[in-house]
């Protein structure tokens, strides 16, 4: 029976650690821009082609 209380305590502690990490990530701006990183690779290639043409 003691092990159940120990495991419940460990799981609550782990949940609090993950909750704290989530709030820290939100506060530091980790999820501010979700769209740009997904299309950045597509946009960078186009920008480099335009820059190369203008330099020639």
PDB file of N, CA and C in Angstrom:
ATOM      1  N   UNK A   1       0.817  -1.196   0.000  1.00  0.00           N
ATOM      2  CA  UNK A   1       0.000   0.000   0.000  1.00  0.00           C
ATOM      3  C   UNK A   1       0.861   1.260   0.000  1.00  0.00           C
ATOM      4  N   UNK A   2       2.014   1.175   0.634  1.00  0.00           N
ATOM      5  CA  UNK A   2       2.906   2.315   0.707  1.00  0.00           C
ATOM      6  C   UNK A   2       3.428   2.692  -0.679  1.00  0.00           C
ATOM      7  N   UNK A   3       3.675   1.681  -1.517  1.00  0.00           N
ATOM      8  CA  UNK A   3       4.205   1.948  -2.851  1.00  0.00           C
ATOM      9  C   UNK A   3       3.200   2.729  -3.694  1.00  0.00           C
ATOM     10  N   UNK A   4       1.916   2.523  -3.478  1.00  0.00           N
ATOM     11  CA  UNK A   4       0.887   3.264  -4.220  1.00  0.00           C
ATOM     12  C   UNK A   4       0.959   4.742  -3.878  1.00  0.00           C
ATOM     13  N   UNK A   5       1.100   5.047  -2.601  1.00  0.00           N
ATOM     14  CA  UNK A   5       1.225   6.455  -2.196  1.00  0.00           C
ATOM     15  C   UNK A   5       2.499   7.073  -2.768  1.00  0.00           C
ATOM     16  N   UNK A   6       3.562   6.300  -2.792  1.00  0.00           N
ATOM     17  CA  UNK A   6       4.821   6.781  -3.355  1.00  0.00           C
ATOM     18  C   UNK A   6       4.668   7.067  -4.851  1.00  0.00           C
ATOM     19  N   UNK A   7       4.048   6.161  -5.585  1.00  0.00           N
ATOM     20  CA  UNK A   7       3.873   6.341  -7.018  1.00  0.00           C
ATOM     21  C   UNK A   7       2.931   7.500  -7.332  1.00  0.00           C
ATOM     22  N   UNK A   8       1.900   7.684  -6.536  1.00  0.00           N
ATOM     23  CA  UNK A   8       0.999   8.827  -6.725  1.00  0.00           C
ATOM     24  C   UNK A   8       1.759  10.130  -6.490  1.00  0.00           C
ATOM     25  N   UNK A   9       2.560  10.165  -5.463  1.00  0.00           N
ATOM     26  CA  UNK A   9       3.370  11.365  -5.189  1.00  0.00           C
ATOM     27  C   UNK A   9       4.348  11.655  -6.318  1.00  0.00           C
ATOM     28  N   UNK A  10       4.998  10.614  -6.834  1.00  0.00           N
ATOM     29  CA  UNK A  10       5.930  10.800  -7.958  1.00  0.00           C
ATOM     30  C   UNK A  10       5.215  11.297  -9.197  1.00  0.00           C
ATOM     31  N   UNK A  11       4.028  10.762  -9.472  1.00  0.00           N
ATOM     32  CA  UNK A  11       3.301  11.192 -10.668  1.00  0.00           C
ATOM     33  C   UNK A  11       2.808  12.631 -10.539  1.00  0.00           C
ATOM     34  N   UNK A  12       2.407  13.038  -9.352  1.00  0.00           N
ATOM     35  CA  UNK A  12       1.991  14.430  -9.142  1.00  0.00           C
ATOM     36  C   UNK A  12       3.190  15.361  -9.282  1.00  0.00           C
ATOM     37  N   UNK A  13       4.330  14.967  -8.747  1.00  0.00           N
ATOM     38  CA  UNK A  13       5.538  15.770  -8.876  1.00  0.00           C
ATOM     39  C   UNK A  13       5.946  15.901 -10.345  1.00  0.00           C
ATOM     40  N   UNK A  14       5.900  14.821 -11.087  1.00  0.00           N
ATOM     41  CA  UNK A  14       6.252  14.859 -12.502  1.00  0.00           C
ATOM     42  C   UNK A  14       5.274  15.728 -13.287  1.00  0.00           C
ATOM     43  N   UNK A  15       3.985  15.642 -12.963  1.00  0.00           N
ATOM     44  CA  UNK A  15       2.985  16.479 -13.632  1.00  0.00           C
ATOM     45  C   UNK A  15       3.228  17.950 -13.345  1.00  0.00           C
ATOM     46  N   UNK A  16       3.616  18.286 -12.125  1.00  0.00           N
ATOM     47  CA  UNK A  16       3.910  19.678 -11.786  1.00  0.00           C
ATOM     48  C   UNK A  16       5.150  20.189 -12.516  1.00  0.00           C
ATOM     49  N   UNK A  17       6.137  19.319 -12.699  1.00  0.00           N
ATOM     50  CA  UNK A  17       7.333  19.710 -13.443  1.00  0.00           C
ATOM     51  C   UNK A  17       6.971  20.009 -14.892  1.00  0.00           C
ATOM     52  N   UNK A  18       6.160  19.144 -15.517  1.00  0.00           N
ATOM     53  CA  UNK A  18       5.744  19.382 -16.893  1.00  0.00           C
ATOM     54  C   UNK A  18       4.858  20.619 -17.012  1.00  0.00           C
ATOM     55  N   UNK A  19       4.018  20.850 -16.030  1.00  0.00           N
ATOM     56  CA  UNK A  19       3.178  22.047 -16.043  1.00  0.00           C
ATOM     57  C   UNK A  19       4.036  23.305 -15.917  1.00  0.00           C
ATOM     58  N   UNK A  20       5.034  23.269 -15.055  1.00  0.00           N
ATOM     59  CA  UNK A  20       5.946  24.393 -14.924  1.00  0.00           C
ATOM     60  C   UNK A  20       6.728  24.638 -16.205  1.00  0.00           C
ATOM     61  N   UNK A  21       7.163  23.567 -16.875  1.00  0.00           N
ATOM     62  CA  UNK A  21       7.886  23.715 -18.145  1.00  0.00           C
ATOM     63  C   UNK A  21       6.976  24.305 -19.222  1.00  0.00           C
ATOM     64  N   UNK A  22       5.714  23.912 -19.223  1.00  0.00           N
ATOM     65  CA  UNK A  22       4.758  24.458 -20.191  1.00  0.00           C
ATOM     66  C   UNK A  22       4.562  25.955 -19.970  1.00  0.00           C
ATOM     67  N   UNK A  23       4.357  26.367 -18.735  1.00  0.00           N
ATOM     68  CA  UNK A  23       4.155  27.794 -18.457  1.00  0.00           C
ATOM     69  C   UNK A  23       5.425  28.598 -18.737  1.00  0.00           C
ATOM     70  N   UNK A  24       6.605  28.021 -18.475  1.00  0.00           N
ATOM     71  CA  UNK A  24       7.852  28.698 -18.789  1.00  0.00           C
ATOM     72  C   UNK A  24       7.978  28.898 -20.302  1.00  0.00           C
ATOM     73  N   UNK A  25       7.608  27.876 -21.092  1.00  0.00           N
ATOM     74  CA  UNK A  25       7.692  27.990 -22.548  1.00  0.00           C
ATOM     75  C   UNK A  25       6.721  29.046 -23.067  1.00  0.00           C
ATOM     76  N   UNK A  26       5.544  29.127 -22.482  1.00  0.00           N
ATOM     77  CA  UNK A  26       4.578  30.133 -22.906  1.00  0.00           C
ATOM     78  C   UNK A  26       5.066  31.538 -22.554  1.00  0.00           C
ATOM     79  N   UNK A  27       5.658  31.678 -21.392  1.00  0.00           N
ATOM     80  CA  UNK A  27       6.134  32.988 -20.940  1.00  0.00           C
ATOM     81  C   UNK A  27       7.322  33.465 -21.774  1.00  0.00           C
ATOM     82  N   UNK A  28       8.171  32.540 -22.206  1.00  0.00           N
ATOM     83  CA  UNK A  28       9.360  32.936 -22.959  1.00  0.00           C
ATOM     84  C   UNK A  28       9.097  33.055 -24.452  1.00  0.00           C
ATOM     85  N   UNK A  29       7.866  32.832 -24.896  1.00  0.00           N
ATOM     86  CA  UNK A  29       7.510  33.066 -26.295  1.00  0.00           C
ATOM     87  C   UNK A  29       7.827  31.929 -27.233  1.00  0.00           C
ATOM     88  N   UNK A  30       7.863  30.713 -26.746  1.00  0.00           N
ATOM     89  CA  UNK A  30       8.186  29.574 -27.597  1.00  0.00           C
ATOM     90  C   UNK A  30       7.123  29.326 -28.672  1.00  0.00           C
ATOM     91  N   UNK A  31       5.880  29.668 -28.404  1.00  0.00           N
ATOM     92  CA  UNK A  31       4.794  29.363 -29.332  1.00  0.00           C
ATOM     93  C   UNK A  31       4.143  30.617 -29.907  1.00  0.00           C
ATOM     94  N   UNK A  32       4.895  31.700 -30.029  1.00  0.00           N
ATOM     95  CA  UNK A  32       4.308  32.933 -30.537  1.00  0.00           C
ATOM     96  C   UNK A  32       3.954  32.835 -32.016  1.00  0.00           C
ATOM     97  N   UNK A  33       4.849  32.290 -32.829  1.00  0.00           N
ATOM     98  CA  UNK A  33       4.634  32.236 -34.268  1.00  0.00           C
ATOM     99  C   UNK A  33       4.688  30.783 -34.723  1.00  0.00           C
ATOM    100  N   UNK A  34       3.527  30.196 -34.982  1.00  0.00           N
ATOM    101  CA  UNK A  34       3.477  28.798 -35.379  1.00  0.00           C
ATOM    102  C   UNK A  34       3.467  28.627 -36.896  1.00  0.00           C
ATOM    103  N   UNK A  35       3.197  29.692 -37.648  1.00  0.00           N
ATOM    104  CA  UNK A  35       3.060  29.559 -39.100  1.00  0.00           C
ATOM    105  C   UNK A  35       4.391  29.718 -39.828  1.00  0.00           C
ATOM    106  N   UNK A  36       5.160  30.705 -39.484  1.00  0.00           N
ATOM    107  CA  UNK A  36       6.379  31.024 -40.229  1.00  0.00           C
ATOM    108  C   UNK A  36       7.397  29.888 -40.253  1.00  0.00           C
ATOM    109  N   UNK A  37       7.678  29.191 -39.154  1.00  0.00           N
ATOM    110  CA  UNK A  37       8.670  28.114 -39.246  1.00  0.00           C
ATOM    111  C   UNK A  37       8.290  27.010 -40.226  1.00  0.00           C
ATOM    112  N   UNK A  38       7.005  26.767 -40.398  1.00  0.00           N
ATOM    113  CA  UNK A  38       6.599  25.694 -41.298  1.00  0.00           C
ATOM    114  C   UNK A  38       6.768  26.063 -42.762  1.00  0.00           C
ATOM    115  N   UNK A  39       6.773  27.344 -43.095  1.00  0.00           N
ATOM    116  CA  UNK A  39       6.932  27.746 -44.490  1.00  0.00           C
ATOM    117  C   UNK A  39       8.249  28.463 -44.745  1.00  0.00           C
ATOM    118  N   UNK A  40       9.101  28.580 -43.754  1.00  0.00           N
ATOM    119  CA  UNK A  40      10.365  29.299 -43.906  1.00  0.00           C
ATOM    120  C   UNK A  40      11.242  28.656 -44.968  1.00  0.00           C
ATOM    121  N   UNK A  41      11.257  27.328 -45.010  1.00  0.00           N
ATOM    122  CA  UNK A  41      12.101  26.660 -45.991  1.00  0.00           C
ATOM    123  C   UNK A  41      11.614  26.953 -47.406  1.00  0.00           C
ATOM    124  N   UNK A  42      10.324  27.140 -47.582  1.00  0.00           N
ATOM    125  CA  UNK A  42       9.794  27.454 -48.901  1.00  0.00           C
ATOM    126  C   UNK A  42      10.103  28.896 -49.286  1.00  0.00           C
ATOM    127  N   UNK A  43      10.062  29.793 -48.334  1.00  0.00           N
ATOM    128  CA  UNK A  43      10.276  31.206 -48.611  1.00  0.00           C
ATOM    129  C   UNK A  43      11.749  31.537 -48.814  1.00  0.00           C
ATOM    130  N   UNK A  44      12.663  30.856 -48.126  1.00  0.00           N
ATOM    131  CA  UNK A  44      14.085  31.161 -48.231  1.00  0.00           C
ATOM    132  C   UNK A  44      14.610  30.870 -49.636  1.00  0.00           C
ATOM    133  N   UNK A  45      14.194  29.788 -50.252  1.00  0.00           N
ATOM    134  CA  UNK A  45      14.669  29.462 -51.584  1.00  0.00           C
ATOM    135  C   UNK A  45      14.274  30.541 -52.583  1.00  0.00           C
ATOM    136  N   UNK A  46      13.070  31.011 -52.471  1.00  0.00           N
ATOM    137  CA  UNK A  46      12.592  32.039 -53.394  1.00  0.00           C
ATOM    138  C   UNK A  46      13.361  33.342 -53.199  1.00  0.00           C
ATOM    139  N   UNK A  47      13.625  33.711 -51.977  1.00  0.00           N
ATOM    140  CA  UNK A  47      14.362  34.943 -51.699  1.00  0.00           C
ATOM    141  C   UNK A  47      15.792  34.881 -52.220  1.00  0.00           C
ATOM    142  N   UNK A  48      16.438  33.740 -52.115  1.00  0.00           N
ATOM    143  CA  UNK A  48      17.806  33.601 -52.603  1.00  0.00           C
ATOM    144  C   UNK A  48      17.851  33.713 -54.121  1.00  0.00           C
ATOM    145  N   UNK A  49      16.844  33.153 -54.803  1.00  0.00           N
ATOM    146  CA  UNK A  49      16.815  33.247 -56.268  1.00  0.00           C
ATOM    147  C   UNK A  49      16.654  34.702 -56.710  1.00  0.00           C
ATOM    148  N   UNK A  50      15.812  35.442 -56.035  1.00  0.00           N
ATOM    149  CA  UNK A  50      15.600  36.845 -56.372  1.00  0.00           C
ATOM    150  C   UNK A  50      16.872  37.641 -56.128  1.00  0.00           C
ATOM    151  N   UNK A  51      17.563  37.392 -55.018  1.00  0.00           N
ATOM    152  CA  UNK A  51      18.796  38.103 -54.705  1.00  0.00           C
ATOM    153  C   UNK A  51      19.891  37.787 -55.715  1.00  0.00           C
ATOM    154  N   UNK A  52      19.992  36.532 -56.127  1.00  0.00           N
ATOM    155  CA  UNK A  52      21.019  36.128 -57.097  1.00  0.00           C
ATOM    156  C   UNK A  52      20.764  36.778 -58.458  1.00  0.00           C
ATOM    157  N   UNK A  53      19.526  36.892 -58.870  1.00  0.00           N
ATOM    158  CA  UNK A  53      19.204  37.509 -60.159  1.00  0.00           C
ATOM    159  C   UNK A  53      19.496  39.001 -60.138  1.00  0.00           C
ATOM    160  N   UNK A  54      19.240  39.644 -58.999  1.00  0.00           N
ATOM    161  CA  UNK A  54      19.459  41.086 -58.927  1.00  0.00           C
ATOM    162  C   UNK A  54      20.955  41.425 -58.863  1.00  0.00           C
ATOM    163  N   UNK A  55      21.792  40.527 -58.401  1.00  0.00           N
ATOM    164  CA  UNK A  55      23.228  40.777 -58.314  1.00  0.00           C
ATOM    165  C   UNK A  55      23.901  40.653 -59.678  1.00  0.00           C
ATOM    166  N   UNK A  56      23.328  39.881 -60.584  1.00  0.00           N
ATOM    167  CA  UNK A  56      23.951  39.651 -61.892  1.00  0.00           C
ATOM    168  C   UNK A  56      23.810  40.799 -62.813  1.00  0.00           C
TER     169      UNK A  56
END
